[in-house]
Amino acid sequence: MLLENEYVGGVTWGFMGKRGTWANEEAEASMDLMKSVTGANWTAIAFSAIQATPQSTEIPYREEPTVTDNEVLWAIRKAKLLDLKVCLKPIVNCADGTWRAHINFFDKDVPCEPKWSEWFRSYTDFILHYAAIAEESGCEMFCIGCELVMSDRRADEWRALIAKVRKLYSGILTYNCDKYQEDNVTWWDDLDVISSSGYYPEHDWEAQLDRIETVVKQYNKPFFFMEAGCPSRTGSAAIPNDWSLKGEPCEEEQSRYYRAMFHSCEGRDWVQGFMLWDWPARLYPLEAAAGNDDYCMYGKAAANIIHEYYSSKTNK
């Protein structure tokens, strides 16, 4: 079940996709290009359900704009046809634009206030729904949550959720903690793999890897970066998690970041790969790549760096 010595040369596909944007020729061409351009052997198929605010307790995942179950199954089948291993990654976001890390409630239940118990009840329904799909469709990995920083302290609720997921899903289980949070999660022992978002400044990788290594050794679990990457934008290499940073499009900035990240991680044999961020279901035209300042690597110099690095790791 565990990754053991397998290298995850992955790319995240489809995030920000809305209902009706998957399961068509454009999405099919996008995934074909992701495979050929990056040389990936894994993909994280990522999509969102949208709760209204950080204090909402209902996650209406069956409603728009969340992609349909048929679209999710289509994406998994398509990835399998490309010989990609799949991590299914359902994510919760907030309609008011607040980052999911700020979903939070009082530690103690208070009458007339929203409660962790109410949120976890809805979140559990959401996750179990997709765990069943992951099992049915043969996904090799399932990610039970992404960057839900304020919930990380709720160990009992997460352990209860993991136990329920394991009754439905027989593959590899992980949780995608946020950057700098690897040592704040106390329930890694209930999961198969530790994974995190590796948006670390280009000159800070060694210090952060030292810190993460203590966690990996403590729990004796496989580790990889469920997210990592950098926008092709001036200034982004110093703060790669800031998708709103103002700056001019710059392919070299993105390339420099990937070189630094791969160089640092190459010296740590416990880093078993990446699910790079990200590759949309609807790509920009190739001729627009130079002016695109987002994370996607399509048509940019970083794509060659990624393909070369992944080939060196997965062809051994």
Protein backbone atom coordinates (compact mmCIF):
# COMPACT_ATOMS: atom_id res chain seq x y z
CA MET A 1 0.00 0.00 0.00
CA LEU A 2 2.72 2.51 0.94
CA LEU A 3 4.79 4.37 -1.65
CA GLU A 4 7.94 2.59 -0.44
CA ASN A 5 10.69 3.58 -2.90
CA GLU A 6 8.41 4.77 -5.67
CA TYR A 7 9.04 8.26 -7.00
CA VAL A 8 6.04 10.54 -7.49
CA GLY A 9 6.73 12.66 -10.56
CA GLY A 10 3.33 14.28 -10.50
CA VAL A 11 1.41 17.34 -11.67
CA THR A 12 -1.91 18.60 -10.31
CA TRP A 13 -4.58 18.68 -12.99
CA GLY A 14 -7.94 20.39 -13.27
CA PHE A 15 -8.08 22.67 -10.22
CA MET A 16 -10.38 25.69 -10.62
CA GLY A 17 -12.34 23.60 -13.08
CA LYS A 18 -16.05 24.33 -12.90
CA ARG A 19 -18.95 22.08 -13.76
CA GLY A 20 -19.05 21.53 -17.49
CA THR A 21 -15.35 22.26 -18.13
CA TRP A 22 -14.14 18.66 -17.83
CA ALA A 23 -14.99 15.64 -20.01
CA ASN A 24 -14.56 17.46 -23.30
CA GLU A 25 -11.97 17.67 -26.09
CA GLU A 26 -10.26 20.70 -24.56
CA ALA A 27 -9.78 18.96 -21.21
CA GLU A 28 -8.61 15.79 -22.95
CA ALA A 29 -5.98 17.73 -24.92
CA SER A 30 -4.88 19.44 -21.70
CA MET A 31 -4.19 16.17 -19.94
CA ASP A 32 -2.41 14.75 -22.99
CA LEU A 33 -0.11 17.76 -23.01
CA MET A 34 0.49 17.57 -19.26
CA LYS A 35 1.76 14.03 -19.66
CA SER A 36 3.94 14.69 -22.71
CA VAL A 37 5.33 18.09 -21.68
CA THR A 38 6.25 17.25 -18.08
CA GLY A 39 6.93 13.52 -18.28
CA ALA A 40 4.67 12.95 -15.27
CA ASN A 41 3.97 9.46 -13.95
CA TRP A 42 1.35 10.62 -11.40
CA THR A 43 -1.39 13.24 -11.33
CA ALA A 44 -3.48 14.73 -8.57
CA ILE A 45 -6.98 15.30 -9.92
CA ALA A 46 -8.08 18.29 -7.88
CA PHE A 47 -11.44 20.04 -7.66
CA SER A 48 -13.37 22.16 -5.20
CA ALA A 49 -16.63 22.20 -3.31
CA ILE A 50 -17.61 25.66 -2.13
CA GLN A 51 -18.93 26.58 1.32
CA ALA A 52 -20.26 30.10 1.70
CA THR A 53 -17.89 31.53 4.33
CA PRO A 54 -15.14 30.27 6.69
CA GLN A 55 -17.80 29.87 9.39
CA SER A 56 -20.31 27.99 7.27
CA THR A 57 -21.00 24.41 8.30
CA GLU A 58 -22.52 23.07 5.08
CA ILE A 59 -20.44 21.97 2.09
CA PRO A 60 -22.82 21.66 -0.90
CA TYR A 61 -20.55 19.47 -3.02
CA ARG A 62 -23.39 18.12 -5.17
CA GLU A 63 -24.18 21.60 -6.44
CA GLU A 64 -22.56 23.91 -8.99
CA PRO A 65 -19.83 24.94 -9.50
CA THR A 66 -18.35 21.59 -8.34
CA VAL A 67 -17.66 19.24 -11.23
CA THR A 68 -20.04 16.31 -11.51
CA ASP A 69 -19.25 12.75 -10.49
CA ASN A 70 -19.26 11.80 -14.16
CA GLU A 71 -16.64 14.46 -14.87
CA VAL A 72 -14.49 13.19 -12.01
CA LEU A 73 -14.77 9.62 -13.28
CA TRP A 74 -13.95 10.81 -16.81
CA ALA A 75 -10.76 12.52 -15.58
CA ILE A 76 -9.66 9.41 -13.68
CA ARG A 77 -10.28 7.17 -16.70
CA LYS A 78 -8.41 9.57 -18.96
CA ALA A 79 -5.41 9.64 -16.62
CA LYS A 80 -5.40 5.85 -16.48
CA LEU A 81 -5.37 5.68 -20.29
CA LEU A 82 -2.21 7.79 -20.15
CA ASP A 83 -0.64 5.34 -17.65
CA LEU A 84 -0.76 7.96 -14.93
CA LYS A 85 -1.28 6.93 -11.33
CA VAL A 86 -3.98 9.02 -9.69
CA CYS A 87 -4.42 10.80 -6.39
CA LEU A 88 -7.98 12.03 -6.06
CA LYS A 89 -7.97 15.35 -4.23
CA PRO A 90 -11.31 16.94 -3.28
CA ILE A 91 -10.80 20.42 -1.79
CA VAL A 92 -13.11 22.76 0.08
CA ASN A 93 -13.00 26.50 -0.62
CA CYS A 94 -15.01 29.54 0.47
CA ALA A 95 -17.32 31.45 -1.85
CA ASP A 96 -16.43 34.77 -0.23
CA GLY A 97 -12.80 34.38 -1.31
CA THR A 98 -11.37 33.57 2.13
CA TRP A 99 -8.58 31.00 1.91
CA ARG A 100 -9.61 27.60 3.25
CA ALA A 101 -6.86 27.70 5.89
CA HIS A 102 -9.04 30.16 7.83
CA ILE A 103 -12.05 27.85 8.19
CA ASN A 104 -12.39 27.90 11.97
CA PHE A 105 -14.79 27.57 14.91
CA PHE A 106 -14.68 27.85 18.69
CA ASP A 107 -12.88 24.98 20.39
CA LYS A 108 -15.84 24.57 22.75
CA ASP A 109 -19.41 24.35 21.49
CA VAL A 110 -21.42 27.49 22.19
CA PRO A 111 -25.20 27.63 21.68
CA CYS A 112 -26.25 29.64 18.61
CA GLU A 113 -22.70 29.60 17.19
CA PRO A 114 -21.40 27.43 14.32
CA LYS A 115 -19.54 24.39 15.57
CA TRP A 116 -16.66 22.13 14.55
CA SER A 117 -18.97 19.15 15.04
CA GLU A 118 -21.41 20.53 12.48
CA TRP A 119 -18.67 21.31 9.97
CA PHE A 120 -16.97 17.94 10.34
CA ARG A 121 -20.32 16.20 9.87
CA SER A 122 -20.72 17.87 6.48
CA TYR A 123 -17.03 17.55 5.60
CA THR A 124 -17.11 13.82 6.40
CA ASP A 125 -20.06 13.32 4.04
CA PHE A 126 -18.12 15.22 1.36
CA ILE A 127 -14.94 13.21 1.76
CA LEU A 128 -16.62 9.81 2.05
CA HIS A 129 -18.50 10.45 -1.18
CA TYR A 130 -15.24 10.87 -3.09
CA ALA A 131 -13.45 8.13 -1.18
CA ALA A 132 -16.05 5.74 -2.59
CA ILE A 133 -15.40 7.08 -6.09
CA ALA A 134 -11.65 6.73 -5.59
CA GLU A 135 -12.13 3.08 -4.61
CA GLU A 136 -14.56 2.33 -7.43
CA SER A 137 -12.26 3.84 -10.05
CA GLY A 138 -9.00 2.39 -8.75
CA CYS A 139 -7.25 5.60 -7.69
CA GLU A 140 -3.90 4.70 -6.15
CA MET A 141 -4.07 7.51 -3.58
CA PHE A 142 -6.71 9.62 -1.86
CA CYS A 143 -6.10 12.97 -0.18
CA ILE A 144 -8.50 13.62 2.71
CA GLY A 145 -7.88 17.37 3.02
CA CYS A 146 -5.86 20.31 1.80
CA GLU A 147 -4.36 23.19 3.79
CA LEU A 148 -7.10 23.27 6.42
CA VAL A 149 -4.68 24.85 8.87
CA MET A 150 -7.07 25.88 11.62
CA SER A 151 -8.57 22.38 11.69
CA ASP A 152 -5.22 20.63 12.06
CA ARG A 153 -5.48 20.86 15.85
CA ARG A 154 -8.72 18.84 15.80
CA ALA A 155 -6.95 15.48 15.93
CA ASP A 156 -9.90 13.47 17.25
CA GLU A 157 -12.16 14.55 14.39
CA TRP A 158 -9.49 13.81 11.80
CA ARG A 159 -8.77 10.39 13.26
CA ALA A 160 -12.48 9.57 13.23
CA LEU A 161 -12.73 10.65 9.60
CA ILE A 162 -9.70 8.56 8.60
CA ALA A 163 -11.23 5.47 10.23
CA LYS A 164 -14.43 5.96 8.21
CA VAL A 165 -12.52 6.53 4.97
CA ARG A 166 -10.59 3.30 5.46
CA LYS A 167 -13.86 1.36 5.52
CA LEU A 168 -14.54 2.58 1.97
CA TYR A 169 -11.13 3.05 0.43
CA SER A 170 -8.25 0.54 0.32
CA GLY A 171 -5.49 2.63 -1.29
CA ILE A 172 -2.90 5.08 0.02
CA LEU A 173 -4.21 7.82 2.31
CA THR A 174 -2.60 11.21 2.85
CA TYR A 175 -3.40 14.72 4.04
CA ASN A 176 -1.96 17.81 2.34
CA CYS A 177 -0.91 20.09 5.19
CA ASP A 178 0.06 23.64 4.40
CA LYS A 179 3.62 24.96 4.18
CA TYR A 180 5.33 25.34 7.58
CA GLN A 181 2.68 23.10 9.21
CA GLU A 182 4.31 19.67 8.86
CA ASP A 183 5.32 19.63 12.53
CA ASN A 184 1.94 20.91 13.75
CA VAL A 185 -0.07 17.88 12.59
CA THR A 186 -0.13 15.29 15.39
CA TRP A 187 -2.08 12.56 13.61
CA TRP A 188 0.29 11.55 10.79
CA ASP A 189 0.51 8.10 12.38
CA ASP A 190 -3.04 7.34 11.19
CA LEU A 191 -2.13 8.04 7.56
CA ASP A 192 0.07 6.18 5.07
CA VAL A 193 2.00 9.13 3.67
CA ILE A 194 2.94 12.60 4.93
CA SER A 195 2.49 15.33 2.32
CA SER A 196 2.59 19.10 2.36
CA SER A 197 2.54 22.23 0.22
CA GLY A 198 6.15 23.09 -0.52
CA TYR A 199 5.90 26.76 -1.38
CA TYR A 200 9.16 27.70 0.29
CA PRO A 201 11.32 30.67 -0.76
CA GLU A 202 14.04 29.64 -3.20
CA HIS A 203 16.83 30.43 -0.71
CA ASP A 204 15.12 28.79 2.30
CA TRP A 205 14.76 25.22 1.09
CA GLU A 206 17.61 23.73 3.10
CA ALA A 207 16.36 25.09 6.43
CA GLN A 208 12.80 23.96 5.76
CA LEU A 209 13.89 20.51 4.64
CA ASP A 210 15.90 20.14 7.85
CA ARG A 211 12.74 20.93 9.82
CA ILE A 212 10.52 18.59 7.80
CA GLU A 213 13.05 15.77 8.06
CA THR A 214 12.55 15.59 11.82
CA VAL A 215 8.84 14.96 11.26
CA VAL A 216 9.47 12.28 8.65
CA LYS A 217 11.89 10.51 11.00
CA GLN A 218 9.52 10.83 13.96
CA TYR A 219 6.62 9.15 12.18
CA ASN A 220 8.69 6.91 9.88
CA LYS A 221 6.34 7.52 6.96
CA PRO A 222 6.96 8.18 3.25
CA PHE A 223 6.90 11.87 2.32
CA PHE A 224 6.34 13.91 -0.82
CA PHE A 225 5.20 17.44 -1.66
CA MET A 226 1.53 17.30 -2.60
CA GLU A 227 1.88 20.83 -3.94
CA ALA A 228 4.92 22.82 -5.03
CA GLY A 229 5.65 25.36 -7.70
CA CYS A 230 6.11 29.01 -8.54
CA PRO A 231 4.35 31.51 -10.79
CA SER A 232 6.29 32.75 -13.81
CA ARG A 233 6.27 36.26 -12.37
CA THR A 234 8.96 38.65 -11.18
CA GLY A 235 9.38 38.34 -7.42
CA SER A 236 7.53 35.04 -7.04
CA ALA A 237 10.60 32.91 -6.28
CA ALA A 238 10.90 34.67 -2.92
CA ILE A 239 7.24 34.12 -2.04
CA PRO A 240 5.88 31.38 -4.29
CA ASN A 241 2.67 30.88 -2.32
CA ASP A 242 1.44 34.42 -3.09
CA TRP A 243 -0.68 33.98 -6.21
CA SER A 244 -1.76 37.65 -6.01
CA LEU A 245 1.78 39.10 -6.02
CA LYS A 246 2.16 41.92 -8.52
CA GLY A 247 4.93 41.51 -11.05
CA GLU A 248 5.77 41.18 -14.72
CA PRO A 249 5.63 37.81 -16.48
CA CYS A 250 9.05 36.15 -16.16
CA GLU A 251 9.81 32.60 -17.27
CA GLU A 252 13.33 32.77 -15.82
CA GLU A 253 11.92 33.45 -12.35
CA GLN A 254 9.93 30.23 -12.51
CA SER A 255 12.84 28.27 -13.99
CA ARG A 256 15.26 29.53 -11.35
CA TYR A 257 12.85 28.47 -8.63
CA TYR A 258 12.45 24.95 -10.02
CA ARG A 259 16.22 24.54 -10.27
CA ALA A 260 16.65 25.60 -6.64
CA MET A 261 13.83 23.37 -5.39
CA PHE A 262 14.98 20.29 -7.28
CA HIS A 263 18.62 20.85 -6.31
CA SER A 264 17.80 21.03 -2.59
CA CYS A 265 15.42 18.07 -2.62
CA GLU A 266 17.84 15.96 -4.64
CA GLY A 267 20.02 15.74 -1.56
CA ARG A 268 17.21 14.34 0.59
CA ASP A 269 16.43 10.75 -0.27
CA TRP A 270 13.28 10.86 1.88
CA VAL A 271 11.62 13.36 -0.49
CA GLN A 272 9.78 10.95 -2.76
CA GLY A 273 8.46 13.44 -5.25
CA PHE A 274 6.03 16.23 -6.07
CA MET A 275 2.56 16.94 -7.37
CA LEU A 276 3.53 20.21 -9.04
CA TRP A 277 1.06 23.08 -9.08
CA ASP A 278 -0.64 23.19 -11.53
CA TRP A 279 -2.13 22.34 -14.93
CA PRO A 280 -5.65 23.60 -15.77
CA ALA A 281 -8.23 21.66 -17.75
CA ARG A 282 -8.51 24.64 -20.10
CA LEU A 283 -5.04 25.71 -21.25
CA TYR A 284 -4.06 29.10 -22.58
CA PRO A 285 -2.89 29.09 -26.22
CA LEU A 286 0.77 28.14 -26.65
CA GLU A 287 1.52 31.53 -28.19
CA ALA A 288 0.27 33.20 -25.00
CA ALA A 289 2.68 31.32 -22.72
CA ALA A 290 5.29 34.09 -22.57
CA GLY A 291 2.68 36.52 -21.28
CA ASN A 292 1.13 34.10 -18.78
CA ASP A 293 2.32 34.75 -15.22
CA ASP A 294 0.56 31.89 -13.43
CA TYR A 295 1.84 28.56 -12.03
CA CYS A 296 1.19 26.47 -15.14
CA MET A 297 4.40 25.51 -16.96
CA TYR A 298 2.92 24.89 -20.41
CA GLY A 299 5.03 26.51 -23.12
CA LYS A 300 7.51 27.89 -20.59
CA ALA A 301 11.18 27.14 -19.96
CA ALA A 302 10.39 25.44 -16.63
CA ALA A 303 8.60 22.64 -18.47
CA ASN A 304 11.89 21.35 -19.89
CA ILE A 305 13.51 21.48 -16.44
CA ILE A 306 10.63 19.46 -15.00
CA HIS A 307 10.67 16.88 -17.80
CA GLU A 308 14.41 16.38 -17.49
CA TYR A 309 14.25 16.03 -13.71
CA TYR A 310 11.28 13.68 -13.70
CA SER A 311 12.89 11.53 -16.39
CA SER A 312 16.05 11.22 -14.29
CA LYS A 313 14.01 10.05 -11.29
CA THR A 314 11.42 7.79 -12.88
CA ASN A 315 13.61 6.04 -15.46
CA LYS A 316 16.02 4.57 -12.92
